[in-house]
Every structure is written in C-alpha cells, then in structure tokens.
Amino acid sequence: MLEHIASAAAYGMVLADLANPKACLPPGFSSPVSTALGWVKALGLVVAIVALIRIGVHVLRQQGDGVPDRDDTFDKLINWVVGIFIVAGALAFMSALGLSIAESC
C-alpha cells in the first residue's frame, strides 16, 4: 500500500514539473528554443575568444623570427570569423523569434 502511495506521489511530482516547463529551465532562459540558441551563442563566443588567443600567441611566438607565417595566421583569423558568424547567426535567430538576445548560459 505504501509503495502505491510513494509511486503516485513521485508520478505527481513528475507531472507537476512537466506542467510548468519553465521551472525545469536554468535562470535566464524562457523556453527550450532560447536555451538552445543561448548555448549556440555561448559556443560561438568560446570559438571566437580561443581563436583570438591563438592569434595573439602565434604573433608573439613569431617575433624575432623574421619570417611571418601568414598561412597559419590566416587560418586563425578564419577561425575567429567563423566564431563571430556563429554568434551573429544565433543572435539573428533569437531576435527573429522575438527572444531576448541578452540571455546568458
């Protein structure tokens, strides 16, 4: 008998969480779509920041070398541009859907 009551209580708690999906989301997120786009935006920012750090380290390491390695620097700049496009795409989708573009992850 007690097992029935415990399972019914657990089932009711699950239904309560599904009835209010906003309670399941982290603070700052309002829907699963904005959550996914917020994570895409964060991933793009990480790609862009890592690419900028790699560019800076590469430039510092080749000083005094006298031979600039343009191909490698260009590849790192392309990574940075790709990161920026990821962020811009996520922001464009979020604003097109009427979501807040200031949401964080």
PDB file of N, CA and C in Angstrom:
ATOM      1  N   MET A   1       0.827  -1.191   0.000  1.00  0.00           N
ATOM      2  CA  MET A   1       0.000   0.000   0.000  1.00  0.00           C
ATOM      3  C   MET A   1       0.870   1.253   0.000  1.00  0.00           C
ATOM      4  N   LEU A   2       1.892   1.260   0.858  1.00  0.00           N
ATOM      5  CA  LEU A   2       2.762   2.431   0.913  1.00  0.00           C
ATOM      6  C   LEU A   2       3.542   2.620  -0.382  1.00  0.00           C
ATOM      7  N   GLU A   3       3.863   1.518  -1.043  1.00  0.00           N
ATOM      8  CA  GLU A   3       4.582   1.626  -2.317  1.00  0.00           C
ATOM      9  C   GLU A   3       3.706   2.302  -3.360  1.00  0.00           C
ATOM     10  N   HIS A   4       2.405   2.007  -3.339  1.00  0.00           N
ATOM     11  CA  HIS A   4       1.481   2.658  -4.272  1.00  0.00           C
ATOM     12  C   HIS A   4       1.428   4.157  -4.025  1.00  0.00           C
ATOM     13  N   ILE A   5       1.384   4.528  -2.776  1.00  0.00           N
ATOM     14  CA  ILE A   5       1.318   5.952  -2.421  1.00  0.00           C
ATOM     15  C   ILE A   5       2.611   6.655  -2.821  1.00  0.00           C
ATOM     16  N   ALA A   6       3.753   6.018  -2.576  1.00  0.00           N
ATOM     17  CA  ALA A   6       5.042   6.624  -2.925  1.00  0.00           C
ATOM     18  C   ALA A   6       5.173   6.789  -4.430  1.00  0.00           C
ATOM     19  N   SER A   7       4.765   5.756  -5.197  1.00  0.00           N
ATOM     20  CA  SER A   7       4.884   5.866  -6.655  1.00  0.00           C
ATOM     21  C   SER A   7       3.905   6.901  -7.200  1.00  0.00           C
ATOM     22  N   ALA A   8       2.728   7.008  -6.601  1.00  0.00           N
ATOM     23  CA  ALA A   8       1.761   8.016  -7.041  1.00  0.00           C
ATOM     24  C   ALA A   8       2.273   9.416  -6.734  1.00  0.00           C
ATOM     25  N   ALA A   9       2.918   9.579  -5.583  1.00  0.00           N
ATOM     26  CA  ALA A   9       3.474  10.888  -5.240  1.00  0.00           C
ATOM     27  C   ALA A   9       4.608  11.267  -6.196  1.00  0.00           C
ATOM     28  N   ALA A  10       5.463  10.289  -6.514  1.00  0.00           N
ATOM     29  CA  ALA A  10       6.556  10.556  -7.459  1.00  0.00           C
ATOM     30  C   ALA A  10       5.994  10.883  -8.833  1.00  0.00           C
ATOM     31  N   TYR A  11       4.966  10.142  -9.263  1.00  0.00           N
ATOM     32  CA  TYR A  11       4.340  10.398 -10.557  1.00  0.00           C
ATOM     33  C   TYR A  11       3.716  11.798 -10.592  1.00  0.00           C
ATOM     34  N   GLY A  12       3.094  12.188  -9.491  1.00  0.00           N
ATOM     35  CA  GLY A  12       2.501  13.521  -9.410  1.00  0.00           C
ATOM     36  C   GLY A  12       3.546  14.616  -9.468  1.00  0.00           C
ATOM     37  N   MET A  13       4.706  14.374  -8.850  1.00  0.00           N
ATOM     38  CA  MET A  13       5.783  15.378  -8.903  1.00  0.00           C
ATOM     39  C   MET A  13       6.309  15.529 -10.323  1.00  0.00           C
ATOM     40  N   VAL A  14       6.423  14.419 -11.052  1.00  0.00           N
ATOM     41  CA  VAL A  14       6.880  14.488 -12.443  1.00  0.00           C
ATOM     42  C   VAL A  14       5.875  15.256 -13.278  1.00  0.00           C
ATOM     43  N   LEU A  15       4.592  14.978 -13.101  1.00  0.00           N
ATOM     44  CA  LEU A  15       3.572  15.699 -13.847  1.00  0.00           C
ATOM     45  C   LEU A  15       3.567  17.179 -13.497  1.00  0.00           C
ATOM     46  N   ALA A  16       3.825  17.514 -12.251  1.00  0.00           N
ATOM     47  CA  ALA A  16       3.864  18.922 -11.862  1.00  0.00           C
ATOM     48  C   ALA A  16       5.008  19.635 -12.564  1.00  0.00           C
ATOM     49  N   ASP A  17       6.162  18.963 -12.690  1.00  0.00           N
ATOM     50  CA  ASP A  17       7.292  19.575 -13.385  1.00  0.00           C
ATOM     51  C   ASP A  17       7.007  19.744 -14.868  1.00  0.00           C
ATOM     52  N   LEU A  18       6.319  18.763 -15.481  1.00  0.00           N
ATOM     53  CA  LEU A  18       6.012  18.872 -16.902  1.00  0.00           C
ATOM     54  C   LEU A  18       4.920  19.904 -17.159  1.00  0.00           C
ATOM     55  N   ALA A  19       4.061  20.136 -16.191  1.00  0.00           N
ATOM     56  CA  ALA A  19       3.013  21.123 -16.365  1.00  0.00           C
ATOM     57  C   ALA A  19       3.587  22.535 -16.376  1.00  0.00           C
ATOM     58  N   ASN A  20       4.726  22.747 -15.728  1.00  0.00           N
ATOM     59  CA  ASN A  20       5.370  24.060 -15.705  1.00  0.00           C
ATOM     60  C   ASN A  20       6.802  23.897 -16.202  1.00  0.00           C
ATOM     61  N   PRO A  21       7.021  23.899 -17.542  1.00  0.00           N
ATOM     62  CA  PRO A  21       8.361  23.637 -18.058  1.00  0.00           C
ATOM     63  C   PRO A  21       9.371  24.715 -17.688  1.00  0.00           C
ATOM     64  N   LYS A  22       8.900  25.928 -17.388  1.00  0.00           N
ATOM     65  CA  LYS A  22       9.837  26.991 -17.008  1.00  0.00           C
ATOM     66  C   LYS A  22      10.524  26.680 -15.687  1.00  0.00           C
ATOM     67  N   ALA A  23       9.911  25.876 -14.853  1.00  0.00           N
ATOM     68  CA  ALA A  23      10.539  25.521 -13.584  1.00  0.00           C
ATOM     69  C   ALA A  23      11.737  24.608 -13.796  1.00  0.00           C
ATOM     70  N   CYS A  24      11.782  23.914 -14.946  1.00  0.00           N
ATOM     71  CA  CYS A  24      12.878  22.988 -15.235  1.00  0.00           C
ATOM     72  C   CYS A  24      14.074  23.681 -15.872  1.00  0.00           C
ATOM     73  N   LEU A  25      13.927  24.936 -16.296  1.00  0.00           N
ATOM     74  CA  LEU A  25      14.988  25.634 -17.009  1.00  0.00           C
ATOM     75  C   LEU A  25      15.870  26.423 -16.054  1.00  0.00           C
ATOM     76  N   PRO A  26      17.141  26.590 -16.394  1.00  0.00           N
ATOM     77  CA  PRO A  26      18.027  27.416 -15.568  1.00  0.00           C
ATOM     78  C   PRO A  26      17.562  28.870 -15.575  1.00  0.00           C
ATOM     79  N   PRO A  27      17.983  29.664 -14.588  1.00  0.00           N
ATOM     80  CA  PRO A  27      17.602  31.077 -14.565  1.00  0.00           C
ATOM     81  C   PRO A  27      18.093  31.795 -15.820  1.00  0.00           C
ATOM     82  N   GLY A  28      17.290  32.669 -16.366  1.00  0.00           N
ATOM     83  CA  GLY A  28      17.668  33.434 -17.548  1.00  0.00           C
ATOM     84  C   GLY A  28      17.129  32.858 -18.836  1.00  0.00           C
ATOM     85  N   PHE A  29      16.597  31.639 -18.798  1.00  0.00           N
ATOM     86  CA  PHE A  29      16.062  31.020 -20.002  1.00  0.00           C
ATOM     87  C   PHE A  29      14.553  30.960 -19.907  1.00  0.00           C
ATOM     88  N   SER A  30      13.886  31.188 -21.045  1.00  0.00           N
ATOM     89  CA  SER A  30      12.440  31.213 -21.006  1.00  0.00           C
ATOM     90  C   SER A  30      11.812  30.066 -21.781  1.00  0.00           C
ATOM     91  N   SER A  31      12.543  29.448 -22.683  1.00  0.00           N
ATOM     92  CA  SER A  31      11.975  28.339 -23.451  1.00  0.00           C
ATOM     93  C   SER A  31      13.100  27.456 -23.963  1.00  0.00           C
ATOM     94  N   PRO A  32      12.790  26.235 -24.393  1.00  0.00           N
ATOM     95  CA  PRO A  32      13.845  25.364 -24.920  1.00  0.00           C
ATOM     96  C   PRO A  32      14.552  25.947 -26.145  1.00  0.00           C
ATOM     97  N   VAL A  33      13.811  26.704 -26.996  1.00  0.00           N
ATOM     98  CA  VAL A  33      14.432  27.297 -28.184  1.00  0.00           C
ATOM     99  C   VAL A  33      15.452  28.351 -27.777  1.00  0.00           C
ATOM    100  N   SER A  34      15.080  29.210 -26.835  1.00  0.00           N
ATOM    101  CA  SER A  34      16.038  30.228 -26.405  1.00  0.00           C
ATOM    102  C   SER A  34      17.199  29.596 -25.659  1.00  0.00           C
ATOM    103  N   THR A  35      16.954  28.491 -24.975  1.00  0.00           N
ATOM    104  CA  THR A  35      18.042  27.781 -24.303  1.00  0.00           C
ATOM    105  C   THR A  35      19.038  27.249 -25.325  1.00  0.00           C
ATOM    106  N   ALA A  36      18.550  26.613 -26.370  1.00  0.00           N
ATOM    107  CA  ALA A  36      19.437  26.064 -27.401  1.00  0.00           C
ATOM    108  C   ALA A  36      20.209  27.176 -28.099  1.00  0.00           C
ATOM    109  N   LEU A  37      19.514  28.263 -28.462  1.00  0.00           N
ATOM    110  CA  LEU A  37      20.207  29.360 -29.136  1.00  0.00           C
ATOM    111  C   LEU A  37      21.176  30.063 -28.199  1.00  0.00           C
ATOM    112  N   GLY A  38      20.859  30.116 -26.919  1.00  0.00           N
ATOM    113  CA  GLY A  38      21.798  30.684 -25.954  1.00  0.00           C
ATOM    114  C   GLY A  38      23.075  29.864 -25.870  1.00  0.00           C
ATOM    115  N   TRP A  39      22.941  28.548 -25.919  1.00  0.00           N
ATOM    116  CA  TRP A  39      24.132  27.692 -25.913  1.00  0.00           C
ATOM    117  C   TRP A  39      24.917  27.830 -27.203  1.00  0.00           C
ATOM    118  N   VAL A  40      24.241  28.005 -28.347  1.00  0.00           N
ATOM    119  CA  VAL A  40      24.938  28.231 -29.625  1.00  0.00           C
ATOM    120  C   VAL A  40      25.718  29.531 -29.557  1.00  0.00           C
ATOM    121  N   LYS A  41      25.077  30.558 -28.995  1.00  0.00           N
ATOM    122  CA  LYS A  41      25.757  31.849 -28.851  1.00  0.00           C
ATOM    123  C   LYS A  41      26.985  31.713 -27.960  1.00  0.00           C
ATOM    124  N   ALA A  42      26.855  30.993 -26.870  1.00  0.00           N
ATOM    125  CA  ALA A  42      27.988  30.808 -25.964  1.00  0.00           C
ATOM    126  C   ALA A  42      29.112  30.020 -26.643  1.00  0.00           C
ATOM    127  N   LEU A  43      28.752  28.996 -27.409  1.00  0.00           N
ATOM    128  CA  LEU A  43      29.759  28.214 -28.119  1.00  0.00           C
ATOM    129  C   LEU A  43      30.501  29.074 -29.137  1.00  0.00           C
ATOM    130  N   GLY A  44      29.769  29.919 -29.854  1.00  0.00           N
ATOM    131  CA  GLY A  44      30.403  30.829 -30.817  1.00  0.00           C
ATOM    132  C   GLY A  44      31.344  31.799 -30.140  1.00  0.00           C
ATOM    133  N   LEU A  45      30.940  32.301 -28.974  1.00  0.00           N
ATOM    134  CA  LEU A  45      31.823  33.212 -28.235  1.00  0.00           C
ATOM    135  C   LEU A  45      33.095  32.502 -27.786  1.00  0.00           C
ATOM    136  N   VAL A  46      32.973  31.259 -27.358  1.00  0.00           N
ATOM    137  CA  VAL A  46      34.160  30.494 -26.953  1.00  0.00           C
ATOM    138  C   VAL A  46      35.091  30.289 -28.144  1.00  0.00           C
ATOM    139  N   VAL A  47      34.529  29.937 -29.311  1.00  0.00           N
ATOM    140  CA  VAL A  47      35.348  29.745 -30.516  1.00  0.00           C
ATOM    141  C   VAL A  47      36.080  31.040 -30.867  1.00  0.00           C
ATOM    142  N   ALA A  48      35.365  32.162 -30.821  1.00  0.00           N
ATOM    143  CA  ALA A  48      35.979  33.446 -31.175  1.00  0.00           C
ATOM    144  C   ALA A  48      37.075  33.834 -30.178  1.00  0.00           C
ATOM    145  N   ILE A  49      36.834  33.640 -28.890  1.00  0.00           N
ATOM    146  CA  ILE A  49      37.830  34.017 -27.878  1.00  0.00           C
ATOM    147  C   ILE A  49      39.068  33.134 -27.976  1.00  0.00           C
ATOM    148  N   VAL A  50      38.869  31.829 -28.154  1.00  0.00           N
ATOM    149  CA  VAL A  50      40.016  30.926 -28.286  1.00  0.00           C
ATOM    150  C   VAL A  50      40.816  31.263 -29.540  1.00  0.00           C
ATOM    151  N   ALA A  51      40.135  31.580 -30.641  1.00  0.00           N
ATOM    152  CA  ALA A  51      40.839  31.947 -31.869  1.00  0.00           C
ATOM    153  C   ALA A  51      41.650  33.219 -31.670  1.00  0.00           C
ATOM    154  N   LEU A  52      41.090  34.218 -30.972  1.00  0.00           N
ATOM    155  CA  LEU A  52      41.846  35.452 -30.720  1.00  0.00           C
ATOM    156  C   LEU A  52      43.070  35.184 -29.852  1.00  0.00           C
ATOM    157  N   ILE A  53      42.933  34.341 -28.856  1.00  0.00           N
ATOM    158  CA  ILE A  53      44.075  33.997 -28.003  1.00  0.00           C
ATOM    159  C   ILE A  53      45.140  33.275 -28.825  1.00  0.00           C
ATOM    160  N   ARG A  54      44.715  32.369 -29.695  1.00  0.00           N
ATOM    161  CA  ARG A  54      45.677  31.651 -30.536  1.00  0.00           C
ATOM    162  C   ARG A  54      46.389  32.601 -31.488  1.00  0.00           C
ATOM    163  N   ILE A  55      45.669  33.601 -32.025  1.00  0.00           N
ATOM    164  CA  ILE A  55      46.301  34.586 -32.911  1.00  0.00           C
ATOM    165  C   ILE A  55      47.357  35.363 -32.145  1.00  0.00           C
ATOM    166  N   GLY A  56      47.013  35.816 -30.931  1.00  0.00           N
ATOM    167  CA  GLY A  56      47.971  36.580 -30.132  1.00  0.00           C
ATOM    168  C   GLY A  56      49.204  35.779 -29.779  1.00  0.00           C
ATOM    169  N   VAL A  57      49.021  34.536 -29.380  1.00  0.00           N
ATOM    170  CA  VAL A  57      50.167  33.682 -29.045  1.00  0.00           C
ATOM    171  C   VAL A  57      51.017  33.433 -30.278  1.00  0.00           C
ATOM    172  N   HIS A  58      50.370  33.225 -31.415  1.00  0.00           N
ATOM    173  CA  HIS A  58      51.113  32.980 -32.651  1.00  0.00           C
ATOM    174  C   HIS A  58      51.946  34.195 -33.045  1.00  0.00           C
ATOM    175  N   VAL A  59      51.357  35.381 -32.937  1.00  0.00           N
ATOM    176  CA  VAL A  59      52.085  36.606 -33.285  1.00  0.00           C
ATOM    177  C   VAL A  59      53.262  36.808 -32.336  1.00  0.00           C
ATOM    178  N   LEU A  60      53.068  36.570 -31.057  1.00  0.00           N
ATOM    179  CA  LEU A  60      54.161  36.736 -30.096  1.00  0.00           C
ATOM    180  C   LEU A  60      55.281  35.725 -30.339  1.00  0.00           C
ATOM    181  N   ARG A  61      54.948  34.527 -30.712  1.00  0.00           N
ATOM    182  CA  ARG A  61      55.963  33.491 -30.903  1.00  0.00           C
ATOM    183  C   ARG A  61      56.785  33.717 -32.159  1.00  0.00           C
ATOM    184  N   GLN A  62      56.228  34.392 -33.174  1.00  0.00           N
ATOM    185  CA  GLN A  62      56.988  34.573 -34.409  1.00  0.00           C
ATOM    186  C   GLN A  62      57.788  35.867 -34.411  1.00  0.00           C
ATOM    187  N   GLN A  63      57.702  36.669 -33.363  1.00  0.00           N
ATOM    188  CA  GLN A  63      58.507  37.893 -33.313  1.00  0.00           C
ATOM    189  C   GLN A  63      59.978  37.535 -33.196  1.00  0.00           C
ATOM    190  N   GLY A  64      60.808  38.264 -33.925  1.00  0.00           N
ATOM    191  CA  GLY A  64      62.236  37.985 -33.929  1.00  0.00           C
ATOM    192  C   GLY A  64      62.592  36.890 -34.911  1.00  0.00           C
ATOM    193  N   ASP A  65      61.573  36.231 -35.409  1.00  0.00           N
ATOM    194  CA  ASP A  65      61.783  35.159 -36.377  1.00  0.00           C
ATOM    195  C   ASP A  65      62.198  35.727 -37.729  1.00  0.00           C
ATOM    196  N   GLY A  66      61.589  36.855 -38.093  1.00  0.00           N
ATOM    197  CA  GLY A  66      61.874  37.483 -39.372  1.00  0.00           C
ATOM    198  C   GLY A  66      61.086  36.883 -40.522  1.00  0.00           C
ATOM    199  N   VAL A  67      60.458  35.747 -40.289  1.00  0.00           N
ATOM    200  CA  VAL A  67      59.698  35.092 -41.343  1.00  0.00           C
ATOM    201  C   VAL A  67      58.245  34.956 -40.872  1.00  0.00           C
ATOM    202  N   PRO A  68      57.373  35.860 -41.324  1.00  0.00           N
ATOM    203  CA  PRO A  68      55.973  35.748 -40.894  1.00  0.00           C
ATOM    204  C   PRO A  68      55.306  34.528 -41.521  1.00  0.00           C
ATOM    205  N   ASP A  69      54.578  33.826 -40.729  1.00  0.00           N
ATOM    206  CA  ASP A  69      53.869  32.632 -41.181  1.00  0.00           C
ATOM    207  C   ASP A  69      52.436  33.037 -41.479  1.00  0.00           C
ATOM    208  N   ARG A  70      52.222  33.594 -42.660  1.00  0.00           N
ATOM    209  CA  ARG A  70      50.923  34.175 -42.994  1.00  0.00           C
ATOM    210  C   ARG A  70      49.816  33.124 -43.101  1.00  0.00           C
ATOM    211  N   ASP A  71      50.133  31.960 -43.597  1.00  0.00           N
ATOM    212  CA  ASP A  71      49.095  30.942 -43.763  1.00  0.00           C
ATOM    213  C   ASP A  71      48.490  30.545 -42.427  1.00  0.00           C
ATOM    214  N   ASP A  72      49.343  30.333 -41.430  1.00  0.00           N
ATOM    215  CA  ASP A  72      48.851  29.926 -40.113  1.00  0.00           C
ATOM    216  C   ASP A  72      48.044  31.044 -39.471  1.00  0.00           C
ATOM    217  N   THR A  73      48.525  32.292 -39.599  1.00  0.00           N
ATOM    218  CA  THR A  73      47.787  33.422 -39.049  1.00  0.00           C
ATOM    219  C   THR A  73      46.438  33.566 -39.748  1.00  0.00           C
ATOM    220  N   PHE A  74      46.415  33.373 -41.065  1.00  0.00           N
ATOM    221  CA  PHE A  74      45.168  33.469 -41.809  1.00  0.00           C
ATOM    222  C   PHE A  74      44.175  32.406 -41.351  1.00  0.00           C
ATOM    223  N   ASP A  75      44.650  31.194 -41.098  1.00  0.00           N
ATOM    224  CA  ASP A  75      43.767  30.137 -40.600  1.00  0.00           C
ATOM    225  C   ASP A  75      43.156  30.513 -39.261  1.00  0.00           C
ATOM    226  N   LYS A  76      43.948  31.110 -38.401  1.00  0.00           N
ATOM    227  CA  LYS A  76      43.429  31.514 -37.092  1.00  0.00           C
ATOM    228  C   LYS A  76      42.426  32.660 -37.235  1.00  0.00           C
ATOM    229  N   LEU A  77      42.672  33.579 -38.168  1.00  0.00           N
ATOM    230  CA  LEU A  77      41.709  34.653 -38.407  1.00  0.00           C
ATOM    231  C   LEU A  77      40.395  34.085 -38.948  1.00  0.00           C
ATOM    232  N   ILE A  78      40.476  33.082 -39.807  1.00  0.00           N
ATOM    233  CA  ILE A  78      39.259  32.440 -40.322  1.00  0.00           C
ATOM    234  C   ILE A  78      38.482  31.803 -39.178  1.00  0.00           C
ATOM    235  N   ASN A  79      39.185  31.166 -38.230  1.00  0.00           N
ATOM    236  CA  ASN A  79      38.503  30.586 -37.057  1.00  0.00           C
ATOM    237  C   ASN A  79      37.769  31.670 -36.278  1.00  0.00           C
ATOM    238  N   TRP A  80      38.400  32.828 -36.128  1.00  0.00           N
ATOM    239  CA  TRP A  80      37.780  33.931 -35.399  1.00  0.00           C
ATOM    240  C   TRP A  80      36.530  34.413 -36.130  1.00  0.00           C
ATOM    241  N   VAL A  81      36.618  34.544 -37.447  1.00  0.00           N
ATOM    242  CA  VAL A  81      35.469  35.000 -38.237  1.00  0.00           C
ATOM    243  C   VAL A  81      34.335  33.973 -38.158  1.00  0.00           C
ATOM    244  N   VAL A  82      34.678  32.688 -38.192  1.00  0.00           N
ATOM    245  CA  VAL A  82      33.650  31.648 -38.070  1.00  0.00           C
ATOM    246  C   VAL A  82      32.944  31.759 -36.718  1.00  0.00           C
ATOM    247  N   GLY A  83      33.710  31.996 -35.648  1.00  0.00           N
ATOM    248  CA  GLY A  83      33.111  32.182 -34.326  1.00  0.00           C
ATOM    249  C   GLY A  83      32.159  33.365 -34.298  1.00  0.00           C
ATOM    250  N   ILE A  84      32.566  34.458 -34.925  1.00  0.00           N
ATOM    251  CA  ILE A  84      31.707  35.645 -34.975  1.00  0.00           C
ATOM    252  C   ILE A  84      30.429  35.355 -35.755  1.00  0.00           C
ATOM    253  N   PHE A  85      30.542  34.611 -36.864  1.00  0.00           N
ATOM    254  CA  PHE A  85      29.349  34.267 -37.635  1.00  0.00           C
ATOM    255  C   PHE A  85      28.415  33.350 -36.855  1.00  0.00           C
ATOM    256  N   ILE A  86      28.962  32.453 -36.055  1.00  0.00           N
ATOM    257  CA  ILE A  86      28.120  31.593 -35.209  1.00  0.00           C
ATOM    258  C   ILE A  86      27.328  32.455 -34.229  1.00  0.00           C
ATOM    259  N   VAL A  87      28.008  33.403 -33.587  1.00  0.00           N
ATOM    260  CA  VAL A  87      27.333  34.292 -32.640  1.00  0.00           C
ATOM    261  C   VAL A  87      26.281  35.135 -33.358  1.00  0.00           C
ATOM    262  N   ALA A  88      26.656  35.699 -34.510  1.00  0.00           N
ATOM    263  CA  ALA A  88      25.718  36.552 -35.246  1.00  0.00           C
ATOM    264  C   ALA A  88      24.494  35.752 -35.701  1.00  0.00           C
ATOM    265  N   GLY A  89      24.713  34.520 -36.138  1.00  0.00           N
ATOM    266  CA  GLY A  89      23.583  33.683 -36.548  1.00  0.00           C
ATOM    267  C   GLY A  89      22.653  33.373 -35.396  1.00  0.00           C
ATOM    268  N   ALA A  90      23.226  33.043 -34.251  1.00  0.00           N
ATOM    269  CA  ALA A  90      22.394  32.752 -33.079  1.00  0.00           C
ATOM    270  C   ALA A  90      21.604  33.990 -32.661  1.00  0.00           C
ATOM    271  N   LEU A  91      22.252  35.151 -32.675  1.00  0.00           N
ATOM    272  CA  LEU A  91      21.553  36.387 -32.302  1.00  0.00           C
ATOM    273  C   LEU A  91      20.458  36.724 -33.310  1.00  0.00           C
ATOM    274  N   ALA A  92      20.724  36.474 -34.602  1.00  0.00           N
ATOM    275  CA  ALA A  92      19.715  36.756 -35.622  1.00  0.00           C
ATOM    276  C   ALA A  92      18.485  35.865 -35.434  1.00  0.00           C
ATOM    277  N   PHE A  93      18.718  34.572 -35.177  1.00  0.00           N
ATOM    278  CA  PHE A  93      17.583  33.670 -34.940  1.00  0.00           C
ATOM    279  C   PHE A  93      16.817  34.074 -33.679  1.00  0.00           C
ATOM    280  N   MET A  94      17.553  34.436 -32.623  1.00  0.00           N
ATOM    281  CA  MET A  94      16.884  34.809 -31.377  1.00  0.00           C
ATOM    282  C   MET A  94      16.041  36.065 -31.569  1.00  0.00           C
ATOM    283  N   SER A  95      16.588  37.068 -32.264  1.00  0.00           N
ATOM    284  CA  SER A  95      15.824  38.301 -32.452  1.00  0.00           C
ATOM    285  C   SER A  95      14.668  38.086 -33.423  1.00  0.00           C
ATOM    286  N   ALA A  96      14.848  37.209 -34.433  1.00  0.00           N
ATOM    287  CA  ALA A  96      13.756  36.928 -35.366  1.00  0.00           C
ATOM    288  C   ALA A  96      12.592  36.238 -34.667  1.00  0.00           C
ATOM    289  N   LEU A  97      12.904  35.442 -33.658  1.00  0.00           N
ATOM    290  CA  LEU A  97      11.852  34.749 -32.905  1.00  0.00           C
ATOM    291  C   LEU A  97      11.285  35.621 -31.782  1.00  0.00           C
ATOM    292  N   GLY A  98      11.818  36.815 -31.634  1.00  0.00           N
ATOM    293  CA  GLY A  98      11.334  37.716 -30.596  1.00  0.00           C
ATOM    294  C   GLY A  98      11.874  37.385 -29.219  1.00  0.00           C
ATOM    295  N   LEU A  99      12.990  36.660 -29.155  1.00  0.00           N
ATOM    296  CA  LEU A  99      13.578  36.284 -27.871  1.00  0.00           C
ATOM    297  C   LEU A  99      14.580  37.345 -27.424  1.00  0.00           C
ATOM    298  N   SER A 100      14.884  37.335 -26.161  1.00  0.00           N
ATOM    299  CA  SER A 100      15.858  38.274 -25.626  1.00  0.00           C
ATOM    300  C   SER A 100      17.255  37.859 -26.062  1.00  0.00           C
ATOM    301  N   ILE A 101      18.010  38.801 -26.651  1.00  0.00           N
ATOM    302  CA  ILE A 101      19.368  38.472 -27.086  1.00  0.00           C
ATOM    303  C   ILE A 101      20.377  38.687 -25.968  1.00  0.00           C
ATOM    304  N   ALA A 102      19.899  39.096 -24.802  1.00  0.00           N
ATOM    305  CA  ALA A 102      20.803  39.316 -23.668  1.00  0.00           C
ATOM    306  C   ALA A 102      20.855  38.109 -22.744  1.00  0.00           C
ATOM    307  N   GLU A 103      20.230  36.992 -23.142  1.00  0.00           N
ATOM    308  CA  GLU A 103      20.221  35.807 -22.279  1.00  0.00           C
ATOM    309  C   GLU A 103      21.605  35.209 -22.208  1.00  0.00           C
ATOM    310  N   SER A 104      21.934  34.668 -21.072  1.00  0.00           N
ATOM    311  CA  SER A 104      23.251  34.069 -20.892  1.00  0.00           C
ATOM    312  C   SER A 104      23.112  32.595 -20.570  1.00  0.00           C
ATOM    313  N   CYS A 105      24.240  31.882 -20.629  1.00  0.00           N
ATOM    314  CA  CYS A 105      24.228  30.444 -20.350  1.00  0.00           C
ATOM    315  C   CYS A 105      24.849  30.200 -18.997  1.00  0.00           C
TER     316      CYS A 105
END
